[in-house]
Amino acid sequence: MKPKLLLILFFAGLLVNCNNSNKNENKEVKEPVSASTKSWPAADKKKAVDDCIEGKMNKHGLTKEKATQLCSCIMDKSEIIFSSYAEKEEGYNNKEYQKAIADCETKYPEDETKYSKNMWDRVDTKKKFLKFCIDSKVQRNEFSESAATRICSCITEKAAVSHSPMEDWNKIINNPEMKECIDKNYD
């Protein structure tokens, strides 16, 4: 375990050093460069990046260029934190991974949105999230529409306080911390 940790720290330091030396270079979309010696299979990398880009463009209105930059950064960090795509999917709420996402969001901000929790203040973001939550709960036959509306209103308010709107919305609405909303609002 110690050799793996040392290797990760070594490569993380190398990435920081490379990043500092490239600050004055032209910022362009680059292919992700893994710091891990055990790289994910190409198909898993492509799926992770493609899914991320699609989500950032469709749910958050990012341009393809911004979504590609952000998702490439997240992919680089994912390979360091997780040994596989499957592990990443299971470990979405991992604190180290959430910090990595926040770091990437800070590094590649969209001019209008800045990738911060105050993006929830935009009325359309809350409305879209609320509709997404209600549709999800009703389509899965978890709740009636009226119960889903009450539950999802609570989830939306809790999410606006404790989550970035850039996170995967399915994972937010199914997060165990949202159980309180179900307990309080279910008929």
N, C-alpha and C. Protein backbone atom coordinates (compact mmCIF):
# COMPACT_ATOMS: atom_id res chain seq x y z
N MET A 1 0.83 -1.19 0.00
CA MET A 1 0.00 0.00 0.00
C MET A 1 0.87 1.25 0.00
N LYS A 2 1.97 1.25 0.79
CA LYS A 2 2.83 2.43 0.85
C LYS A 2 3.48 2.74 -0.49
N PRO A 3 3.96 1.72 -1.24
CA PRO A 3 4.55 2.06 -2.54
C PRO A 3 3.54 2.71 -3.48
N LYS A 4 2.29 2.26 -3.42
CA LYS A 4 1.25 2.83 -4.30
C LYS A 4 1.00 4.29 -3.91
N LEU A 5 0.93 4.55 -2.60
CA LEU A 5 0.70 5.92 -2.14
C LEU A 5 1.87 6.82 -2.53
N LEU A 6 3.10 6.33 -2.37
CA LEU A 6 4.27 7.12 -2.76
C LEU A 6 4.26 7.41 -4.25
N LEU A 7 3.89 6.41 -5.04
CA LEU A 7 3.82 6.59 -6.49
C LEU A 7 2.78 7.64 -6.86
N ILE A 8 1.63 7.59 -6.21
CA ILE A 8 0.58 8.56 -6.48
C ILE A 8 1.05 9.97 -6.10
N LEU A 9 1.67 10.09 -4.93
CA LEU A 9 2.17 11.40 -4.50
C LEU A 9 3.25 11.92 -5.45
N PHE A 10 4.14 11.04 -5.92
CA PHE A 10 5.17 11.44 -6.85
C PHE A 10 4.57 12.02 -8.12
N PHE A 11 3.61 11.29 -8.70
CA PHE A 11 3.01 11.74 -9.94
C PHE A 11 2.14 12.97 -9.74
N ALA A 12 1.48 13.08 -8.58
CA ALA A 12 0.69 14.27 -8.30
C ALA A 12 1.60 15.49 -8.24
N GLY A 13 2.77 15.34 -7.60
CA GLY A 13 3.75 16.43 -7.56
C GLY A 13 4.25 16.79 -8.94
N LEU A 14 4.45 15.77 -9.75
CA LEU A 14 4.90 15.99 -11.12
C LEU A 14 3.86 16.77 -11.91
N LEU A 15 2.57 16.42 -11.73
CA LEU A 15 1.49 17.13 -12.42
C LEU A 15 1.43 18.59 -11.98
N VAL A 16 1.58 18.85 -10.68
CA VAL A 16 1.55 20.22 -10.18
C VAL A 16 2.70 21.01 -10.80
N ASN A 17 3.88 20.41 -10.84
CA ASN A 17 5.05 21.08 -11.40
C ASN A 17 4.83 21.37 -12.89
N CYS A 18 4.32 20.39 -13.61
CA CYS A 18 4.04 20.59 -15.05
C CYS A 18 2.98 21.67 -15.23
N ASN A 19 1.97 21.68 -14.39
CA ASN A 19 0.91 22.66 -14.49
C ASN A 19 1.46 24.07 -14.27
N ASN A 20 2.34 24.22 -13.29
CA ASN A 20 2.91 25.54 -13.01
C ASN A 20 3.77 26.02 -14.18
N SER A 21 4.49 25.13 -14.84
CA SER A 21 5.34 25.55 -15.94
C SER A 21 4.55 25.86 -17.21
N ASN A 22 3.30 25.39 -17.28
CA ASN A 22 2.48 25.60 -18.48
C ASN A 22 1.49 26.74 -18.32
N LYS A 23 1.55 27.51 -17.23
CA LYS A 23 0.55 28.55 -16.99
C LYS A 23 0.51 29.62 -18.06
N ASN A 24 1.64 29.93 -18.66
CA ASN A 24 1.67 31.01 -19.65
C ASN A 24 1.42 30.51 -21.07
N GLU A 25 1.27 29.21 -21.24
CA GLU A 25 1.01 28.67 -22.57
C GLU A 25 -0.43 28.92 -22.97
N ASN A 26 -0.69 28.86 -24.23
CA ASN A 26 -2.03 29.00 -24.76
C ASN A 26 -2.92 27.90 -24.18
N LYS A 27 -4.07 28.28 -23.63
CA LYS A 27 -4.97 27.29 -23.07
C LYS A 27 -5.78 26.68 -24.21
N GLU A 28 -5.60 25.43 -24.42
CA GLU A 28 -6.36 24.74 -25.45
C GLU A 28 -6.80 23.40 -24.91
N VAL A 29 -7.79 22.79 -25.55
CA VAL A 29 -8.28 21.50 -25.13
C VAL A 29 -7.21 20.46 -25.42
N LYS A 30 -6.82 19.75 -24.38
CA LYS A 30 -5.78 18.73 -24.54
C LYS A 30 -6.36 17.38 -24.16
N GLU A 31 -5.79 16.35 -24.72
CA GLU A 31 -6.18 15.01 -24.34
C GLU A 31 -5.75 14.78 -22.90
N PRO A 32 -6.54 14.04 -22.11
CA PRO A 32 -6.14 13.79 -20.74
C PRO A 32 -4.83 13.00 -20.67
N VAL A 33 -4.01 13.36 -19.71
CA VAL A 33 -2.76 12.65 -19.48
C VAL A 33 -2.85 12.04 -18.11
N SER A 34 -2.82 10.73 -18.03
CA SER A 34 -2.98 10.04 -16.77
C SER A 34 -1.70 10.08 -15.95
N ALA A 35 -1.88 10.30 -14.65
CA ALA A 35 -0.74 10.26 -13.74
C ALA A 35 -0.58 8.86 -13.17
N SER A 36 -1.48 7.99 -13.48
CA SER A 36 -1.43 6.63 -12.96
C SER A 36 -0.58 5.74 -13.86
N THR A 37 0.16 4.84 -13.23
CA THR A 37 0.94 3.91 -14.04
C THR A 37 0.04 2.80 -14.59
N LYS A 38 -1.06 2.57 -13.93
CA LYS A 38 -2.03 1.58 -14.40
C LYS A 38 -3.21 2.34 -14.99
N SER A 39 -3.13 2.63 -16.25
CA SER A 39 -4.15 3.41 -16.93
C SER A 39 -5.42 2.58 -17.14
N TRP A 40 -6.54 3.26 -17.14
CA TRP A 40 -7.80 2.58 -17.43
C TRP A 40 -7.79 2.14 -18.89
N PRO A 41 -8.57 1.13 -19.22
CA PRO A 41 -8.71 0.76 -20.64
C PRO A 41 -9.27 1.95 -21.44
N ALA A 42 -8.85 2.07 -22.67
CA ALA A 42 -9.26 3.19 -23.52
C ALA A 42 -10.78 3.31 -23.62
N ALA A 43 -11.47 2.18 -23.71
CA ALA A 43 -12.93 2.21 -23.82
C ALA A 43 -13.57 2.81 -22.56
N ASP A 44 -13.04 2.50 -21.38
CA ASP A 44 -13.56 3.06 -20.13
C ASP A 44 -13.30 4.55 -20.04
N LYS A 45 -12.10 4.98 -20.46
CA LYS A 45 -11.78 6.40 -20.46
C LYS A 45 -12.75 7.15 -21.37
N LYS A 46 -12.94 6.61 -22.57
CA LYS A 46 -13.82 7.26 -23.55
C LYS A 46 -15.25 7.35 -23.00
N LYS A 47 -15.74 6.26 -22.41
CA LYS A 47 -17.09 6.26 -21.86
C LYS A 47 -17.21 7.30 -20.74
N ALA A 48 -16.23 7.34 -19.85
CA ALA A 48 -16.28 8.30 -18.73
C ALA A 48 -16.29 9.74 -19.25
N VAL A 49 -15.41 10.04 -20.19
CA VAL A 49 -15.33 11.40 -20.72
C VAL A 49 -16.57 11.74 -21.54
N ASP A 50 -17.01 10.83 -22.39
CA ASP A 50 -18.20 11.08 -23.22
C ASP A 50 -19.45 11.29 -22.36
N ASP A 51 -19.63 10.43 -21.34
CA ASP A 51 -20.79 10.59 -20.44
C ASP A 51 -20.73 11.92 -19.71
N CYS A 52 -19.55 12.28 -19.26
CA CYS A 52 -19.35 13.55 -18.55
C CYS A 52 -19.68 14.73 -19.47
N ILE A 53 -19.13 14.71 -20.67
CA ILE A 53 -19.37 15.81 -21.62
C ILE A 53 -20.87 15.94 -21.92
N GLU A 54 -21.51 14.83 -22.18
CA GLU A 54 -22.95 14.85 -22.49
C GLU A 54 -23.73 15.45 -21.31
N GLY A 55 -23.41 15.02 -20.11
CA GLY A 55 -24.10 15.54 -18.93
C GLY A 55 -23.86 17.02 -18.73
N LYS A 56 -22.63 17.46 -18.89
CA LYS A 56 -22.30 18.88 -18.68
C LYS A 56 -22.96 19.75 -19.75
N MET A 57 -23.07 19.24 -20.97
CA MET A 57 -23.71 20.02 -22.04
C MET A 57 -25.23 20.02 -21.87
N ASN A 58 -25.82 18.84 -21.62
CA ASN A 58 -27.28 18.74 -21.56
C ASN A 58 -27.88 19.29 -20.28
N LYS A 59 -27.29 18.96 -19.14
CA LYS A 59 -27.88 19.38 -17.87
C LYS A 59 -27.43 20.77 -17.45
N HIS A 60 -26.24 21.18 -17.88
CA HIS A 60 -25.69 22.42 -17.36
C HIS A 60 -25.41 23.46 -18.43
N GLY A 61 -25.70 23.13 -19.68
CA GLY A 61 -25.60 24.09 -20.75
C GLY A 61 -24.20 24.55 -21.11
N LEU A 62 -23.21 23.72 -20.84
CA LEU A 62 -21.84 24.09 -21.18
C LEU A 62 -21.60 23.93 -22.68
N THR A 63 -20.68 24.71 -23.21
CA THR A 63 -20.27 24.50 -24.58
C THR A 63 -19.48 23.20 -24.65
N LYS A 64 -19.36 22.64 -25.83
CA LYS A 64 -18.61 21.40 -25.98
C LYS A 64 -17.15 21.60 -25.55
N GLU A 65 -16.58 22.76 -25.91
CA GLU A 65 -15.19 23.03 -25.55
C GLU A 65 -15.00 23.06 -24.04
N LYS A 66 -15.87 23.78 -23.33
CA LYS A 66 -15.76 23.87 -21.86
C LYS A 66 -16.02 22.51 -21.22
N ALA A 67 -17.02 21.79 -21.72
CA ALA A 67 -17.32 20.47 -21.17
C ALA A 67 -16.15 19.52 -21.39
N THR A 68 -15.51 19.59 -22.55
CA THR A 68 -14.36 18.73 -22.85
C THR A 68 -13.19 19.06 -21.93
N GLN A 69 -12.93 20.34 -21.73
CA GLN A 69 -11.84 20.73 -20.82
C GLN A 69 -12.11 20.23 -19.41
N LEU A 70 -13.30 20.48 -18.92
CA LEU A 70 -13.66 20.08 -17.58
C LEU A 70 -13.61 18.56 -17.41
N CYS A 71 -14.20 17.85 -18.35
CA CYS A 71 -14.27 16.40 -18.25
C CYS A 71 -12.91 15.73 -18.43
N SER A 72 -12.05 16.32 -19.23
CA SER A 72 -10.68 15.79 -19.36
C SER A 72 -9.94 15.93 -18.04
N CYS A 73 -10.12 17.06 -17.40
CA CYS A 73 -9.50 17.28 -16.09
C CYS A 73 -10.03 16.26 -15.08
N ILE A 74 -11.35 16.07 -15.05
CA ILE A 74 -11.96 15.12 -14.12
C ILE A 74 -11.45 13.71 -14.42
N MET A 75 -11.30 13.36 -15.69
CA MET A 75 -10.80 12.04 -16.07
C MET A 75 -9.39 11.83 -15.54
N ASP A 76 -8.53 12.83 -15.72
CA ASP A 76 -7.16 12.72 -15.22
C ASP A 76 -7.15 12.42 -13.73
N LYS A 77 -7.96 13.14 -12.99
CA LYS A 77 -8.00 12.96 -11.54
C LYS A 77 -8.66 11.64 -11.16
N SER A 78 -9.65 11.21 -11.95
CA SER A 78 -10.33 9.95 -11.68
C SER A 78 -9.37 8.77 -11.76
N GLU A 79 -8.49 8.81 -12.75
CA GLU A 79 -7.52 7.72 -12.91
C GLU A 79 -6.55 7.64 -11.74
N ILE A 80 -6.30 8.77 -11.11
CA ILE A 80 -5.41 8.78 -9.95
C ILE A 80 -6.13 8.22 -8.72
N ILE A 81 -7.39 8.60 -8.57
CA ILE A 81 -8.15 8.23 -7.38
C ILE A 81 -8.70 6.81 -7.45
N PHE A 82 -9.19 6.41 -8.61
CA PHE A 82 -9.86 5.12 -8.77
C PHE A 82 -9.07 4.21 -9.70
N SER A 83 -9.16 2.92 -9.45
CA SER A 83 -8.44 1.97 -10.30
C SER A 83 -9.22 1.59 -11.55
N SER A 84 -10.52 1.92 -11.58
CA SER A 84 -11.33 1.56 -12.75
C SER A 84 -12.55 2.47 -12.84
N TYR A 85 -13.18 2.44 -14.00
CA TYR A 85 -14.41 3.20 -14.23
C TYR A 85 -15.50 2.72 -13.26
N ALA A 86 -15.62 1.42 -13.10
CA ALA A 86 -16.65 0.87 -12.20
C ALA A 86 -16.44 1.36 -10.77
N GLU A 87 -15.19 1.40 -10.33
CA GLU A 87 -14.89 1.89 -8.98
C GLU A 87 -15.26 3.36 -8.86
N LYS A 88 -15.01 4.14 -9.91
CA LYS A 88 -15.37 5.56 -9.90
C LYS A 88 -16.87 5.72 -9.78
N GLU A 89 -17.64 4.95 -10.52
CA GLU A 89 -19.09 5.05 -10.48
C GLU A 89 -19.63 4.73 -9.08
N GLU A 90 -19.02 3.75 -8.42
CA GLU A 90 -19.46 3.37 -7.08
C GLU A 90 -19.00 4.37 -6.03
N GLY A 91 -17.88 5.04 -6.29
CA GLY A 91 -17.31 5.94 -5.31
C GLY A 91 -17.56 7.40 -5.58
N TYR A 92 -18.68 7.72 -6.22
CA TYR A 92 -18.95 9.09 -6.63
C TYR A 92 -18.90 10.07 -5.46
N ASN A 93 -19.38 9.66 -4.29
CA ASN A 93 -19.42 10.56 -3.14
C ASN A 93 -18.11 10.58 -2.36
N ASN A 94 -17.10 9.90 -2.85
CA ASN A 94 -15.77 9.91 -2.24
C ASN A 94 -15.30 11.36 -2.11
N LYS A 95 -14.87 11.75 -0.90
CA LYS A 95 -14.49 13.15 -0.64
C LYS A 95 -13.33 13.60 -1.52
N GLU A 96 -12.38 12.72 -1.75
CA GLU A 96 -11.23 13.07 -2.59
C GLU A 96 -11.70 13.34 -4.02
N TYR A 97 -12.64 12.53 -4.50
CA TYR A 97 -13.17 12.71 -5.84
C TYR A 97 -13.97 14.00 -5.95
N GLN A 98 -14.79 14.29 -4.94
CA GLN A 98 -15.57 15.53 -4.94
C GLN A 98 -14.64 16.75 -4.94
N LYS A 99 -13.54 16.67 -4.20
CA LYS A 99 -12.56 17.76 -4.19
C LYS A 99 -11.92 17.89 -5.58
N ALA A 100 -11.63 16.76 -6.21
CA ALA A 100 -11.05 16.78 -7.56
C ALA A 100 -12.00 17.45 -8.55
N ILE A 101 -13.28 17.13 -8.46
CA ILE A 101 -14.28 17.75 -9.34
C ILE A 101 -14.31 19.26 -9.09
N ALA A 102 -14.33 19.65 -7.83
CA ALA A 102 -14.36 21.08 -7.50
C ALA A 102 -13.11 21.79 -8.03
N ASP A 103 -11.95 21.13 -7.92
CA ASP A 103 -10.71 21.71 -8.44
C ASP A 103 -10.81 21.92 -9.95
N CYS A 104 -11.34 20.93 -10.65
CA CYS A 104 -11.49 21.04 -12.10
C CYS A 104 -12.50 22.13 -12.46
N GLU A 105 -13.59 22.22 -11.70
CA GLU A 105 -14.60 23.24 -11.97
C GLU A 105 -14.03 24.64 -11.78
N THR A 106 -13.12 24.78 -10.82
CA THR A 106 -12.48 26.07 -10.59
C THR A 106 -11.49 26.38 -11.72
N LYS A 107 -10.81 25.35 -12.18
CA LYS A 107 -9.80 25.52 -13.23
C LYS A 107 -10.43 25.87 -14.58
N TYR A 108 -11.60 25.34 -14.87
CA TYR A 108 -12.26 25.55 -16.15
C TYR A 108 -13.66 26.15 -15.97
N PRO A 109 -13.76 27.36 -15.45
CA PRO A 109 -15.09 27.94 -15.24
C PRO A 109 -15.73 28.43 -16.54
N GLU A 110 -17.01 28.30 -16.61
CA GLU A 110 -17.78 28.88 -17.71
C GLU A 110 -18.03 30.33 -17.32
N ASP A 111 -17.86 31.24 -18.23
CA ASP A 111 -17.95 32.66 -17.90
C ASP A 111 -19.22 33.03 -17.13
N GLU A 112 -20.37 32.53 -17.57
CA GLU A 112 -21.61 32.95 -16.94
C GLU A 112 -21.89 32.23 -15.64
N THR A 113 -21.36 31.02 -15.44
CA THR A 113 -21.82 30.22 -14.31
C THR A 113 -20.81 30.04 -13.19
N LYS A 114 -19.56 30.10 -13.43
CA LYS A 114 -18.51 29.98 -12.43
C LYS A 114 -18.53 28.67 -11.64
N TYR A 115 -19.38 27.74 -11.96
CA TYR A 115 -19.44 26.43 -11.30
C TYR A 115 -19.49 26.50 -9.79
N SER A 116 -20.32 27.29 -9.25
CA SER A 116 -20.39 27.36 -7.80
C SER A 116 -21.82 27.11 -7.33
N LYS A 117 -21.96 26.94 -6.02
CA LYS A 117 -23.28 26.68 -5.47
C LYS A 117 -24.23 27.85 -5.73
N ASN A 118 -23.70 29.07 -5.89
CA ASN A 118 -24.61 30.18 -6.14
C ASN A 118 -25.26 30.07 -7.51
N MET A 119 -24.86 29.10 -8.31
CA MET A 119 -25.55 28.83 -9.58
C MET A 119 -26.98 28.35 -9.29
N TRP A 120 -27.21 27.80 -8.08
CA TRP A 120 -28.56 27.40 -7.70
C TRP A 120 -29.48 28.62 -7.64
N ASP A 121 -28.92 29.79 -7.45
CA ASP A 121 -29.73 31.00 -7.34
C ASP A 121 -30.43 31.35 -8.65
N ARG A 122 -29.92 30.78 -9.72
CA ARG A 122 -30.59 30.99 -11.00
C ARG A 122 -31.90 30.20 -10.99
N VAL A 123 -32.99 30.87 -11.19
CA VAL A 123 -34.31 30.24 -11.10
C VAL A 123 -34.42 29.03 -12.03
N ASP A 124 -33.90 29.14 -13.23
CA ASP A 124 -34.03 28.04 -14.17
C ASP A 124 -33.29 26.79 -13.70
N THR A 125 -32.21 26.94 -12.95
CA THR A 125 -31.47 25.77 -12.46
C THR A 125 -32.33 25.01 -11.46
N LYS A 126 -32.92 25.71 -10.52
CA LYS A 126 -33.77 25.04 -9.53
C LYS A 126 -35.00 24.41 -10.20
N LYS A 127 -35.60 25.13 -11.14
CA LYS A 127 -36.78 24.60 -11.84
C LYS A 127 -36.42 23.33 -12.62
N LYS A 128 -35.28 23.36 -13.31
CA LYS A 128 -34.86 22.19 -14.09
C LYS A 128 -34.57 21.01 -13.16
N PHE A 129 -33.89 21.28 -12.06
CA PHE A 129 -33.57 20.22 -11.11
C PHE A 129 -34.85 19.64 -10.51
N LEU A 130 -35.78 20.52 -10.10
CA LEU A 130 -37.04 20.07 -9.51
C LEU A 130 -37.81 19.20 -10.51
N LYS A 131 -37.91 19.64 -11.75
CA LYS A 131 -38.61 18.86 -12.78
C LYS A 131 -37.92 17.51 -13.00
N PHE A 132 -36.59 17.54 -13.07
CA PHE A 132 -35.83 16.30 -13.24
C PHE A 132 -36.12 15.33 -12.09
N CYS A 133 -36.11 15.84 -10.86
CA CYS A 133 -36.36 15.01 -9.69
C CYS A 133 -37.77 14.42 -9.72
N ILE A 134 -38.77 15.25 -9.95
CA ILE A 134 -40.16 14.78 -9.99
C ILE A 134 -40.34 13.73 -11.08
N ASP A 135 -39.87 14.04 -12.28
CA ASP A 135 -39.99 13.08 -13.39
C ASP A 135 -39.33 11.75 -13.04
N SER A 136 -38.16 11.83 -12.42
CA SER A 136 -37.42 10.62 -12.06
C SER A 136 -38.20 9.79 -11.05
N LYS A 137 -38.73 10.41 -10.02
CA LYS A 137 -39.46 9.70 -8.96
C LYS A 137 -40.77 9.11 -9.49
N VAL A 138 -41.46 9.85 -10.36
CA VAL A 138 -42.73 9.37 -10.91
C VAL A 138 -42.49 8.26 -11.93
N GLN A 139 -41.49 8.44 -12.82
CA GLN A 139 -41.21 7.43 -13.84
C GLN A 139 -40.80 6.09 -13.22
N ARG A 140 -40.13 6.14 -12.10
CA ARG A 140 -39.71 4.90 -11.43
C ARG A 140 -40.83 4.33 -10.55
N ASN A 141 -41.99 4.98 -10.61
CA ASN A 141 -43.14 4.57 -9.80
C ASN A 141 -42.82 4.52 -8.32
N GLU A 142 -41.95 5.44 -7.87
CA GLU A 142 -41.61 5.50 -6.46
C GLU A 142 -42.70 6.23 -5.67
N PHE A 143 -43.26 7.30 -6.29
CA PHE A 143 -44.23 8.13 -5.60
C PHE A 143 -45.25 8.66 -6.59
N SER A 144 -46.39 9.10 -6.04
CA SER A 144 -47.36 9.81 -6.87
C SER A 144 -46.76 11.16 -7.24
N GLU A 145 -47.37 11.83 -8.21
CA GLU A 145 -46.83 13.12 -8.63
C GLU A 145 -46.88 14.15 -7.49
N SER A 146 -47.97 14.15 -6.72
CA SER A 146 -48.06 15.13 -5.63
C SER A 146 -47.02 14.84 -4.54
N ALA A 147 -46.82 13.57 -4.20
CA ALA A 147 -45.80 13.22 -3.20
C ALA A 147 -44.40 13.54 -3.74
N ALA A 148 -44.17 13.22 -5.01
CA ALA A 148 -42.86 13.49 -5.62
C ALA A 148 -42.58 15.00 -5.64
N THR A 149 -43.61 15.81 -5.87
CA THR A 149 -43.44 17.27 -5.89
C THR A 149 -43.02 17.77 -4.51
N ARG A 150 -43.68 17.30 -3.45
CA ARG A 150 -43.31 17.71 -2.09
C ARG A 150 -41.90 17.24 -1.75
N ILE A 151 -41.61 15.99 -2.03
CA ILE A 151 -40.30 15.41 -1.72
C ILE A 151 -39.20 16.13 -2.50
N CYS A 152 -39.43 16.34 -3.77
CA CYS A 152 -38.41 16.96 -4.62
C CYS A 152 -38.21 18.44 -4.31
N SER A 153 -39.24 19.11 -3.83
CA SER A 153 -39.07 20.50 -3.39
C SER A 153 -38.10 20.55 -2.21
N CYS A 154 -38.27 19.63 -1.29
CA CYS A 154 -37.36 19.53 -0.14
C CYS A 154 -35.95 19.18 -0.61
N ILE A 155 -35.82 18.19 -1.49
CA ILE A 155 -34.51 17.78 -2.01
C ILE A 155 -33.82 18.95 -2.71
N THR A 156 -34.59 19.72 -3.48
CA THR A 156 -34.02 20.86 -4.20
C THR A 156 -33.43 21.87 -3.22
N GLU A 157 -34.16 22.17 -2.17
CA GLU A 157 -33.67 23.13 -1.17
C GLU A 157 -32.42 22.60 -0.46
N LYS A 158 -32.42 21.31 -0.10
CA LYS A 158 -31.24 20.72 0.56
C LYS A 158 -30.05 20.67 -0.40
N ALA A 159 -30.31 20.35 -1.64
CA ALA A 159 -29.23 20.26 -2.64
C ALA A 159 -28.58 21.62 -2.85
N ALA A 160 -29.39 22.66 -2.85
CA ALA A 160 -28.87 24.01 -3.08
C ALA A 160 -27.91 24.45 -1.96
N VAL A 161 -28.05 23.84 -0.80
CA VAL A 161 -27.18 24.19 0.34
C VAL A 161 -25.92 23.32 0.37
N SER A 162 -26.07 22.04 0.02
CA SER A 162 -24.96 21.11 0.25
C SER A 162 -24.32 20.51 -0.99
N HIS A 163 -24.80 20.83 -2.18
CA HIS A 163 -24.25 20.24 -3.39
C HIS A 163 -24.06 21.30 -4.47
N SER A 164 -23.11 21.04 -5.34
CA SER A 164 -22.93 21.87 -6.52
C SER A 164 -23.92 21.40 -7.57
N PRO A 165 -24.54 22.32 -8.31
CA PRO A 165 -25.45 21.90 -9.37
C PRO A 165 -24.72 21.20 -10.52
N MET A 166 -23.39 21.19 -10.46
CA MET A 166 -22.61 20.51 -11.49
C MET A 166 -22.49 19.01 -11.22
N GLU A 167 -22.90 18.57 -10.04
CA GLU A 167 -22.84 17.14 -9.71
C GLU A 167 -23.91 16.39 -10.50
N ASP A 168 -23.76 15.09 -10.57
CA ASP A 168 -24.73 14.24 -11.25
C ASP A 168 -26.06 14.33 -10.48
N TRP A 169 -27.10 14.78 -11.15
CA TRP A 169 -28.37 15.00 -10.47
C TRP A 169 -28.99 13.71 -9.96
N ASN A 170 -28.83 12.60 -10.67
CA ASN A 170 -29.36 11.32 -10.17
C ASN A 170 -28.74 10.98 -8.83
N LYS A 171 -27.45 11.24 -8.71
CA LYS A 171 -26.76 10.90 -7.47
C LYS A 171 -27.18 11.84 -6.34
N ILE A 172 -27.50 13.08 -6.66
CA ILE A 172 -27.98 14.00 -5.62
C ILE A 172 -29.33 13.53 -5.10
N ILE A 173 -30.27 13.26 -6.00
CA ILE A 173 -31.63 12.92 -5.53
C ILE A 173 -31.69 11.56 -4.85
N ASN A 174 -30.72 10.70 -5.13
CA ASN A 174 -30.71 9.37 -4.50
C ASN A 174 -29.69 9.29 -3.36
N ASN A 175 -29.11 10.41 -3.00
CA ASN A 175 -28.13 10.45 -1.92
C ASN A 175 -28.84 10.15 -0.59
N PRO A 176 -28.24 9.31 0.26
CA PRO A 176 -28.88 8.97 1.54
C PRO A 176 -29.23 10.19 2.40
N GLU A 177 -28.50 11.28 2.26
CA GLU A 177 -28.81 12.47 3.07
C GLU A 177 -30.16 13.07 2.70
N MET A 178 -30.71 12.69 1.56
CA MET A 178 -32.01 13.22 1.12
C MET A 178 -33.18 12.40 1.68
N LYS A 179 -32.89 11.33 2.40
CA LYS A 179 -33.93 10.47 2.98
C LYS A 179 -34.86 11.26 3.89
N GLU A 180 -34.32 12.24 4.57
CA GLU A 180 -35.12 13.08 5.46
C GLU A 180 -36.28 13.73 4.70
N CYS A 181 -36.05 14.13 3.48
CA CYS A 181 -37.11 14.74 2.66
C CYS A 181 -38.22 13.73 2.38
N ILE A 182 -37.86 12.50 2.16
CA ILE A 182 -38.86 11.46 1.91
C ILE A 182 -39.65 11.19 3.18
N ASP A 183 -38.93 11.04 4.31
CA ASP A 183 -39.58 10.76 5.58
C ASP A 183 -40.58 11.85 5.98
N LYS A 184 -40.23 13.11 5.72
CA LYS A 184 -41.09 14.23 6.12
C LYS A 184 -42.25 14.48 5.17
N ASN A 185 -42.11 14.09 3.93
CA ASN A 185 -43.10 14.49 2.91
C ASN A 185 -43.87 13.36 2.26
N TYR A 186 -43.65 12.13 2.67
CA TYR A 186 -44.33 11.01 2.03
C TYR A 186 -45.65 10.74 2.73
N ASP A 187 -46.71 10.57 1.94
CA ASP A 187 -48.05 10.29 2.50
C ASP A 187 -48.11 8.89 3.05
